[in-house]
Protein backbone atom coordinates (compact mmCIF):
# COMPACT_ATOMS: atom_id res chain seq x y z
CA UNK A 1 118.07 -52.56 -36.26
CA UNK A 2 115.01 -50.72 -37.22
CA UNK A 3 115.31 -47.14 -38.12
CA UNK A 4 114.19 -44.55 -35.65
CA UNK A 5 111.02 -42.80 -36.38
CA UNK A 6 111.44 -39.19 -36.80
CA UNK A 7 109.31 -37.05 -34.53
CA UNK A 8 106.87 -34.91 -36.39
CA UNK A 9 107.19 -31.29 -35.70
CA UNK A 10 104.08 -29.44 -34.67
CA UNK A 11 103.37 -26.37 -36.68
CA UNK A 12 103.96 -23.14 -34.81
CA UNK A 13 100.87 -21.48 -33.35
CA UNK A 14 99.80 -18.26 -34.85
CA UNK A 15 99.55 -15.57 -32.27
CA UNK A 16 96.10 -14.05 -32.10
CA UNK A 17 95.67 -10.81 -30.21
CA UNK A 18 93.30 -11.20 -27.21
CA UNK A 19 90.08 -9.27 -27.37
CA UNK A 20 88.41 -8.01 -24.21
CA UNK A 21 85.20 -9.97 -23.57
CA UNK A 22 82.35 -9.55 -21.14
CA UNK A 23 82.81 -11.36 -17.87
CA UNK A 24 80.77 -14.55 -17.70
CA UNK A 25 77.59 -14.18 -15.73
CA UNK A 26 75.27 -16.87 -14.57
CA UNK A 27 72.06 -17.21 -16.54
CA UNK A 28 70.36 -18.34 -13.39
CA UNK A 29 68.00 -15.79 -11.95
CA UNK A 30 68.05 -15.17 -8.27
CA UNK A 31 64.90 -14.57 -6.27
CA UNK A 32 65.21 -11.41 -4.29
CA UNK A 33 62.80 -12.17 -1.49
CA UNK A 34 60.17 -9.85 -0.13
CA UNK A 35 61.64 -6.92 1.67
CA UNK A 36 64.85 -6.80 -0.37
CA UNK A 37 65.49 -3.28 -1.56
CA UNK A 38 65.50 -2.82 -5.32
CA UNK A 39 65.10 -6.53 -6.03
CA UNK A 40 62.64 -7.82 -8.57
CA UNK A 41 61.00 -11.13 -7.93
CA UNK A 42 62.07 -13.42 -10.74
CA UNK A 43 61.51 -17.18 -10.73
CA UNK A 44 62.88 -19.87 -13.01
CA UNK A 45 59.70 -21.96 -12.96
CA UNK A 46 56.11 -22.00 -11.77
CA UNK A 47 57.00 -24.66 -9.19
CA UNK A 48 59.67 -22.40 -7.72
CA UNK A 49 57.30 -19.41 -7.70
CA UNK A 50 54.58 -21.52 -6.09
CA UNK A 51 56.93 -22.71 -3.35
CA UNK A 52 58.51 -19.33 -2.63
CA UNK A 53 55.30 -17.29 -2.76
CA UNK A 54 53.13 -19.88 -1.04
CA UNK A 55 50.57 -19.89 -3.86
CA UNK A 56 48.87 -22.94 -5.35
CA UNK A 57 50.51 -24.13 -8.55
CA UNK A 58 47.11 -24.21 -10.26
CA UNK A 59 46.65 -20.49 -9.53
CA UNK A 60 49.85 -19.70 -11.43
CA UNK A 61 48.68 -21.94 -14.28
CA UNK A 62 45.39 -20.02 -14.42
CA UNK A 63 47.26 -16.71 -14.52
CA UNK A 64 49.43 -17.88 -17.39
CA UNK A 65 46.43 -19.29 -19.28
CA UNK A 66 44.58 -15.96 -18.92
CA UNK A 67 47.53 -14.16 -20.49
CA UNK A 68 48.97 -12.44 -17.43
CA UNK A 69 52.04 -10.33 -18.12
CA UNK A 70 55.29 -11.58 -16.66
CA UNK A 71 55.27 -15.15 -17.97
CA UNK A 72 58.06 -15.50 -20.51
CA UNK A 73 59.00 -19.03 -21.45
CA UNK A 74 59.69 -20.70 -18.09
CA UNK A 75 60.64 -17.47 -16.35
CA UNK A 76 58.18 -15.58 -14.19
CA UNK A 77 58.62 -11.88 -13.48
CA UNK A 78 56.38 -11.61 -10.43
CA UNK A 79 56.27 -7.79 -10.25
CA UNK A 80 54.66 -7.73 -13.71
CA UNK A 81 52.25 -10.52 -12.74
CA UNK A 82 51.21 -8.57 -9.63
CA UNK A 83 50.54 -5.48 -11.74
CA UNK A 84 48.38 -7.58 -14.11
CA UNK A 85 46.44 -9.05 -11.17
CA UNK A 86 45.80 -5.54 -9.82
CA UNK A 87 44.51 -4.45 -13.24
CA UNK A 88 42.36 -7.63 -13.67
CA UNK A 89 41.19 -8.59 -10.15
CA UNK A 90 38.34 -10.87 -11.27
CA UNK A 91 40.11 -12.62 -14.14
CA UNK A 92 41.36 -15.55 -12.06
CA UNK A 93 39.77 -17.24 -9.04
CA UNK A 94 42.46 -17.90 -6.40
CA UNK A 95 40.06 -20.12 -4.45
CA UNK A 96 40.05 -22.71 -7.23
CA UNK A 97 42.71 -25.13 -6.09
CA UNK A 98 44.31 -28.09 -7.77
CA UNK A 99 42.72 -31.47 -7.06
CA UNK A 100 43.54 -32.96 -3.69
CA UNK A 101 46.48 -35.29 -3.51
CA UNK A 102 46.18 -38.81 -2.18
CA UNK A 103 47.73 -37.67 1.11
CA UNK A 104 45.16 -34.86 1.38
CA UNK A 105 42.30 -37.30 0.79
CA UNK A 106 43.70 -39.72 3.38
CA UNK A 107 43.98 -36.89 5.89
CA UNK A 108 40.40 -35.76 5.25
CA UNK A 109 39.19 -39.38 5.66
CA UNK A 110 41.07 -39.67 8.96
CA UNK A 111 39.54 -36.43 10.25
CA UNK A 112 36.04 -37.61 9.34
CA UNK A 113 36.63 -40.97 11.03
CA UNK A 114 37.78 -39.16 14.19
CA UNK A 115 34.63 -37.00 14.15
CA UNK A 116 32.50 -40.14 13.74
CA UNK A 117 34.23 -41.82 16.68
CA UNK A 118 33.74 -38.69 18.81
CA UNK A 119 30.00 -38.76 18.06
CA UNK A 120 29.79 -42.48 18.90
CA UNK A 121 31.68 -41.86 22.15
CA UNK A 122 29.36 -38.98 23.08
CA UNK A 123 26.32 -41.18 22.39
CA UNK A 124 27.73 -43.94 24.63
CA UNK A 125 28.38 -41.44 27.45
CA UNK A 126 24.82 -40.23 27.12
CA UNK A 127 25.68 -36.65 26.20
CA UNK A 128 23.77 -37.06 22.94
CA UNK A 129 20.10 -38.03 22.88
CA UNK A 130 18.75 -39.78 19.78
CA UNK A 131 16.32 -37.73 17.72
CA UNK A 132 13.45 -40.20 18.15
CA UNK A 133 13.71 -39.87 21.95
CA UNK A 134 13.61 -36.08 21.77
CA UNK A 135 10.58 -36.26 19.47
CA UNK A 136 8.82 -38.61 21.91
CA UNK A 137 9.47 -36.23 24.84
CA UNK A 138 8.26 -33.23 22.84
CA UNK A 139 5.06 -35.06 21.90
CA UNK A 140 4.47 -36.07 25.55
CA UNK A 141 4.96 -32.46 26.72
CA UNK A 142 2.65 -31.09 24.03
CA UNK A 143 -0.11 -33.58 24.90
CA UNK A 144 0.26 -32.78 28.62
CA UNK A 145 0.12 -29.03 28.04
CA UNK A 146 -2.88 -29.35 25.78
CA UNK A 147 -4.72 -31.38 28.47
CA UNK A 148 -3.98 -28.76 31.16
CA UNK A 149 -5.10 -25.90 28.90
CA UNK A 150 -8.32 -27.69 27.89
CA UNK A 151 -9.12 -28.25 31.57
CA UNK A 152 -8.65 -24.54 32.22
CA UNK A 153 -10.88 -23.64 29.27
CA UNK A 154 -13.66 -25.89 30.65
CA UNK A 155 -13.35 -24.89 34.33
CA UNK A 156 -12.14 -21.30 34.53
CA UNK A 157 -14.99 -19.34 32.90
CA UNK A 158 -17.27 -20.32 35.77
CA UNK A 159 -14.56 -19.67 38.37
CA UNK A 160 -13.53 -16.28 36.98
CA UNK A 161 -17.07 -14.90 36.71
CA UNK A 162 -17.56 -11.92 38.95
CA UNK A 163 -13.88 -11.60 40.02
CA UNK A 164 -11.89 -8.37 39.73
CA UNK A 165 -8.58 -8.08 37.80
CA UNK A 166 -6.33 -8.80 40.80
CA UNK A 167 -8.20 -12.00 41.63
CA UNK A 168 -8.13 -13.12 37.96
CA UNK A 169 -4.35 -12.55 37.92
CA UNK A 170 -3.97 -14.84 40.94
CA UNK A 171 -5.99 -17.60 39.23
CA UNK A 172 -3.93 -17.28 35.99
CA UNK A 173 -0.68 -17.52 37.98
CA UNK A 174 -2.01 -20.75 39.55
CA UNK A 175 -2.88 -22.02 36.05
CA UNK A 176 0.65 -21.28 34.75
CA UNK A 177 2.25 -22.88 37.81
CA UNK A 178 0.09 -25.97 37.36
CA UNK A 179 1.10 -26.30 33.70
CA UNK A 180 4.79 -25.86 34.53
CA UNK A 181 4.60 -28.45 37.32
CA UNK A 182 3.05 -30.91 34.88
CA UNK A 183 5.84 -30.34 32.34
CA UNK A 184 8.53 -30.64 35.05
CA UNK A 185 7.03 -33.92 36.26
CA UNK A 186 7.03 -35.27 32.68
CA UNK A 187 10.66 -34.26 32.13
CA UNK A 188 11.79 -35.65 35.52
CA UNK A 189 10.21 -39.01 34.77
CA UNK A 190 11.67 -39.21 31.26
CA UNK A 191 14.85 -40.99 30.24
CA UNK A 192 16.18 -41.89 26.78
CA UNK A 193 15.20 -45.35 25.58
CA UNK A 194 18.53 -46.15 23.92
């Protein structure tokens, strides 16, 4: 029979006195939202700050590039950034936004297509008149008015001779009425060609 293996004895542990240590705390910073008393706004990343503050990511990138206080490594201390913005109001343009995403471009294209269809629909219903038709009507009205006025210039000096102011006023009112009736007749007889 084989001999039994002897169990190795483990050496006795040395007793080390326990030293009081700090309690473990999380390294993760917590965002104390607006309105929280005594809380500072601290964010772990620019994406988190952008999402929580509702600011474009590119705006935060511009702030960091311009050397705004409050950007340390990946951590953003927003109270310090706000103080820097107040001290340098024209340093960064908040209107400059990051390039549009593919979804944003698709949405803009869809909106433009809807506007185009609305214009086509309005043109088919007749609520829009093509520019060439409006130009034709304007030209017709101008020619008609010019003809009426030239007739008055030729005829009225002889008619108005020797009349007093009240009688001249009556003749001018007839002239204006005649011109307006001519324009109204032109407009009533007009319709768009397309």
